[in-house]
N, C-alpha and C. Protein backbone atom coordinates (compact mmCIF):
# COMPACT_ATOMS: atom_id res chain seq x y z
N MET A 1 -39.55 25.86 22.43
CA MET A 1 -39.09 25.25 21.11
C MET A 1 -39.46 26.19 19.91
N LYS A 2 -38.58 26.22 18.93
CA LYS A 2 -38.70 27.18 17.95
C LYS A 2 -38.97 26.49 16.57
N SER A 3 -39.89 27.16 15.83
CA SER A 3 -40.27 26.48 14.46
C SER A 3 -39.13 26.39 13.61
N LYS A 4 -39.12 25.46 12.64
CA LYS A 4 -38.08 25.11 11.78
C LYS A 4 -38.62 25.11 10.37
N ARG A 5 -37.89 24.90 9.34
CA ARG A 5 -38.43 25.04 8.01
C ARG A 5 -39.25 23.80 7.81
N ASN A 6 -40.46 23.96 7.35
CA ASN A 6 -41.47 22.98 7.04
C ASN A 6 -42.11 22.45 8.31
N LEU A 7 -41.70 22.93 9.52
CA LEU A 7 -42.34 22.53 10.68
C LEU A 7 -42.58 23.80 11.60
N THR A 8 -43.80 23.95 11.94
CA THR A 8 -44.26 25.12 12.70
C THR A 8 -44.84 24.73 14.06
N ARG A 9 -44.39 25.37 15.07
CA ARG A 9 -44.84 25.14 16.47
C ARG A 9 -46.15 25.82 16.76
N PHE A 10 -47.08 25.22 17.23
CA PHE A 10 -48.38 25.80 17.65
C PHE A 10 -48.48 25.65 19.12
N THR A 11 -48.43 26.73 19.82
CA THR A 11 -48.61 26.85 21.34
C THR A 11 -49.51 27.93 21.67
N TYR A 12 -50.82 27.60 22.03
CA TYR A 12 -51.60 28.70 22.31
C TYR A 12 -52.32 28.30 23.69
N GLU A 13 -52.32 29.30 24.59
CA GLU A 13 -53.00 29.06 25.91
C GLU A 13 -54.40 28.69 25.85
N THR A 14 -55.15 29.36 24.92
CA THR A 14 -56.56 29.25 24.95
C THR A 14 -57.05 28.31 23.84
N ALA A 15 -56.15 27.65 23.21
CA ALA A 15 -56.65 26.69 22.08
C ALA A 15 -56.50 25.30 22.63
N ALA A 16 -57.23 24.41 21.93
CA ALA A 16 -57.23 23.01 22.38
C ALA A 16 -56.02 22.24 21.73
N PHE A 17 -55.39 22.83 20.77
CA PHE A 17 -54.24 22.10 20.05
C PHE A 17 -52.92 22.77 20.34
N GLU A 18 -51.93 21.90 20.89
CA GLU A 18 -50.60 22.33 20.94
C GLU A 18 -49.70 21.11 20.32
N GLY A 19 -48.80 21.55 19.43
CA GLY A 19 -47.98 20.60 18.79
C GLY A 19 -47.31 21.21 17.54
N TRP A 20 -46.99 20.29 16.72
CA TRP A 20 -46.26 20.67 15.47
C TRP A 20 -47.01 20.35 14.28
N ARG A 21 -46.87 21.38 13.20
CA ARG A 21 -47.53 21.09 11.95
C ARG A 21 -46.49 20.98 11.00
N LEU A 22 -46.42 19.98 10.20
CA LEU A 22 -45.69 19.70 8.99
C LEU A 22 -46.40 20.24 7.77
N CYS A 23 -45.76 20.94 6.98
CA CYS A 23 -46.29 21.50 5.68
C CYS A 23 -45.16 21.67 4.73
N ILE A 24 -45.24 21.00 3.73
CA ILE A 24 -44.25 20.93 2.54
C ILE A 24 -44.98 21.08 1.22
N SER A 25 -44.64 21.99 0.49
CA SER A 25 -45.06 22.03 -0.93
C SER A 25 -44.07 21.76 -2.04
N ARG A 26 -44.42 20.97 -2.87
CA ARG A 26 -43.51 20.71 -4.06
C ARG A 26 -44.30 20.43 -5.35
N ALA A 27 -43.94 21.01 -6.47
CA ALA A 27 -44.38 20.64 -7.71
C ALA A 27 -45.92 20.71 -7.72
N GLY A 28 -46.60 21.70 -6.98
CA GLY A 28 -47.97 21.90 -7.15
C GLY A 28 -48.81 21.14 -6.17
N THR A 29 -48.08 20.37 -5.30
CA THR A 29 -48.81 19.56 -4.24
C THR A 29 -48.30 19.87 -2.92
N THR A 30 -49.30 19.99 -1.89
CA THR A 30 -49.03 20.44 -0.64
C THR A 30 -49.38 19.13 0.31
N PHE A 31 -48.39 18.81 1.20
CA PHE A 31 -48.57 17.88 2.21
C PHE A 31 -48.75 18.56 3.60
N THR A 32 -49.64 18.22 4.34
CA THR A 32 -49.85 18.83 5.69
C THR A 32 -50.32 17.76 6.63
N LYS A 33 -49.61 17.78 7.84
CA LYS A 33 -50.13 16.98 8.96
C LYS A 33 -49.77 17.60 10.34
N TYR A 34 -50.65 17.30 11.22
CA TYR A 34 -50.48 17.93 12.65
C TYR A 34 -50.02 16.76 13.51
N PHE A 35 -49.08 17.09 14.35
CA PHE A 35 -48.50 16.11 15.35
C PHE A 35 -48.66 16.70 16.75
N PRO A 36 -49.80 16.43 17.44
CA PRO A 36 -50.08 17.03 18.69
C PRO A 36 -49.38 16.37 19.70
N ASP A 37 -48.94 17.30 20.70
CA ASP A 37 -48.19 16.89 21.93
C ASP A 37 -48.92 15.86 22.74
N LYS A 38 -50.18 16.06 22.85
CA LYS A 38 -51.02 15.18 23.61
C LYS A 38 -50.88 13.81 23.17
N LYS A 39 -50.99 13.44 21.90
CA LYS A 39 -50.87 12.12 21.31
C LYS A 39 -49.53 11.58 21.47
N PHE A 40 -48.53 12.30 21.32
CA PHE A 40 -47.09 11.68 21.50
C PHE A 40 -46.42 11.93 22.75
N GLY A 41 -46.97 12.58 23.67
CA GLY A 41 -46.47 12.55 25.09
C GLY A 41 -45.89 13.80 25.39
N SER A 42 -45.06 14.49 24.52
CA SER A 42 -44.44 15.75 24.76
C SER A 42 -44.13 16.54 23.52
N GLY A 43 -43.62 17.72 23.61
CA GLY A 43 -43.24 18.54 22.43
C GLY A 43 -42.06 17.92 21.67
N LYS A 44 -41.13 17.37 22.57
CA LYS A 44 -39.99 16.90 21.94
C LYS A 44 -40.31 15.56 21.30
N LYS A 45 -41.09 14.63 21.69
CA LYS A 45 -41.51 13.57 21.08
C LYS A 45 -42.35 13.78 19.85
N SER A 46 -43.27 14.61 19.87
CA SER A 46 -44.02 15.10 18.61
C SER A 46 -43.06 15.74 17.57
N LEU A 47 -42.17 16.38 18.02
CA LEU A 47 -41.06 17.01 17.03
C LEU A 47 -40.33 15.85 16.36
N ALA A 48 -39.91 14.99 17.12
CA ALA A 48 -38.98 13.75 16.58
C ALA A 48 -39.79 13.02 15.55
N VAL A 49 -41.10 12.70 15.87
CA VAL A 49 -41.96 12.06 14.96
C VAL A 49 -42.24 12.90 13.61
N ALA A 50 -42.36 14.29 13.81
CA ALA A 50 -42.68 15.17 12.73
C ALA A 50 -41.36 15.24 11.87
N GLU A 51 -40.22 15.23 12.46
CA GLU A 51 -38.95 15.42 11.69
C GLU A 51 -38.67 14.18 10.88
N LYS A 52 -38.93 12.94 11.55
CA LYS A 52 -38.67 11.75 10.67
C LYS A 52 -39.72 11.67 9.52
N ALA A 53 -41.04 11.97 9.62
CA ALA A 53 -41.90 12.03 8.57
C ALA A 53 -41.53 13.05 7.48
N LEU A 54 -41.01 14.11 7.91
CA LEU A 54 -40.51 15.12 6.98
C LEU A 54 -39.37 14.64 6.11
N ALA A 55 -38.36 14.01 6.78
CA ALA A 55 -37.25 13.47 6.15
C ALA A 55 -37.68 12.25 5.19
N ASP A 56 -38.48 11.47 5.50
CA ASP A 56 -39.00 10.46 4.67
C ASP A 56 -39.78 10.97 3.44
N LEU A 57 -40.60 12.08 3.69
CA LEU A 57 -41.20 12.78 2.67
C LEU A 57 -40.34 13.47 1.68
N LYS A 58 -39.37 14.11 2.12
CA LYS A 58 -38.47 14.81 1.29
C LYS A 58 -37.65 13.82 0.44
N THR A 59 -37.32 12.70 1.04
CA THR A 59 -36.59 11.69 0.26
C THR A 59 -37.39 11.04 -0.94
N LEU A 60 -38.63 10.92 -0.53
CA LEU A 60 -39.73 10.38 -1.72
C LEU A 60 -39.88 11.48 -2.74
N ILE A 61 -39.96 12.66 -2.38
CA ILE A 61 -40.27 13.82 -3.31
C ILE A 61 -39.03 13.96 -4.17
N GLU A 62 -37.87 14.04 -3.64
CA GLU A 62 -36.64 14.35 -4.38
C GLU A 62 -36.34 13.31 -5.35
N GLY A 63 -36.77 12.02 -5.21
CA GLY A 63 -36.47 10.94 -6.09
C GLY A 63 -37.52 10.63 -6.97
N ALA A 64 -38.65 11.36 -6.89
CA ALA A 64 -39.88 11.10 -7.70
C ALA A 64 -39.76 11.61 -9.21
N LYS A 65 -40.33 10.93 -10.03
CA LYS A 65 -40.49 11.35 -11.33
C LYS A 65 -41.60 12.46 -11.51
N ARG A 66 -41.47 13.34 -12.35
CA ARG A 66 -42.52 14.31 -12.56
C ARG A 66 -43.25 14.10 -13.94
N VAL A 67 -44.61 14.37 -13.83
CA VAL A 67 -45.52 14.29 -14.94
C VAL A 67 -45.88 15.75 -15.31
N ASP A 68 -45.50 16.13 -16.46
CA ASP A 68 -45.81 17.59 -16.68
C ASP A 68 -45.50 18.69 -15.63
N GLY A 69 -44.42 18.42 -15.02
CA GLY A 69 -43.90 19.27 -13.86
C GLY A 69 -44.53 19.04 -12.55
N LYS A 70 -45.43 18.23 -12.52
CA LYS A 70 -46.14 17.82 -11.28
C LYS A 70 -45.79 16.48 -10.81
N LEU A 71 -46.01 16.27 -9.41
CA LEU A 71 -45.79 14.92 -8.95
C LEU A 71 -46.75 13.94 -9.54
N SER A 72 -46.49 12.77 -9.72
CA SER A 72 -47.28 11.69 -10.12
C SER A 72 -48.23 11.35 -9.16
N PRO A 73 -49.52 10.85 -9.54
CA PRO A 73 -50.50 10.39 -8.43
C PRO A 73 -49.99 9.26 -7.68
N ALA A 74 -49.17 8.46 -8.04
CA ALA A 74 -48.54 7.38 -7.33
C ALA A 74 -47.63 7.97 -6.19
N THR A 75 -46.84 8.99 -6.59
CA THR A 75 -45.99 9.59 -5.57
C THR A 75 -46.76 10.36 -4.59
N ILE A 76 -47.77 11.03 -4.90
CA ILE A 76 -48.84 11.59 -4.03
C ILE A 76 -49.46 10.67 -3.06
N LYS A 77 -49.82 9.57 -3.51
CA LYS A 77 -50.30 8.60 -2.65
C LYS A 77 -49.35 8.04 -1.72
N LYS A 78 -48.13 7.81 -2.12
CA LYS A 78 -46.94 7.34 -1.19
C LYS A 78 -46.84 8.36 -0.11
N GLY A 79 -46.69 9.68 -0.51
CA GLY A 79 -46.53 10.75 0.41
C GLY A 79 -47.57 10.75 1.43
N GLU A 80 -48.88 10.62 1.05
CA GLU A 80 -50.02 10.52 1.96
C GLU A 80 -49.99 9.48 2.87
N LYS A 81 -49.42 8.25 2.36
CA LYS A 81 -49.31 7.09 3.21
C LYS A 81 -48.19 7.20 4.31
N ILE A 82 -47.13 7.93 3.85
CA ILE A 82 -46.02 8.19 4.98
C ILE A 82 -46.67 9.15 6.04
N LEU A 83 -47.43 10.04 5.73
CA LEU A 83 -48.03 11.01 6.76
C LEU A 83 -48.97 10.27 7.53
N GLN A 84 -49.76 9.35 7.02
CA GLN A 84 -50.64 8.58 7.74
C GLN A 84 -50.10 7.64 8.63
N ASP A 85 -49.00 6.91 8.24
CA ASP A 85 -48.19 6.08 9.02
C ASP A 85 -47.38 6.69 10.08
N ALA A 86 -47.34 7.89 10.04
CA ALA A 86 -46.40 8.67 11.00
C ALA A 86 -47.03 8.82 12.46
N ALA A 87 -48.19 8.20 12.56
CA ALA A 87 -48.78 8.18 13.96
C ALA A 87 -48.42 7.29 14.91
């Protein structure tokens, strides 16, 4: 499996973690979450969950109001909740 925009594949033979990392930065805020294969059962399943979380997060960010060019605290909190619930 190959990495995609905002989704990076981690596969190391000697490391304990194998899975996907979602990382997106907008308006001075970075959202990051790891989706391990072990937790979701396979690489394809963890990718599907990561893609859904990314789509939800992009929808939230694109429709959000900005305060001084940055995301509002309420939007940041909602984004963190999306990532937390993606498990």
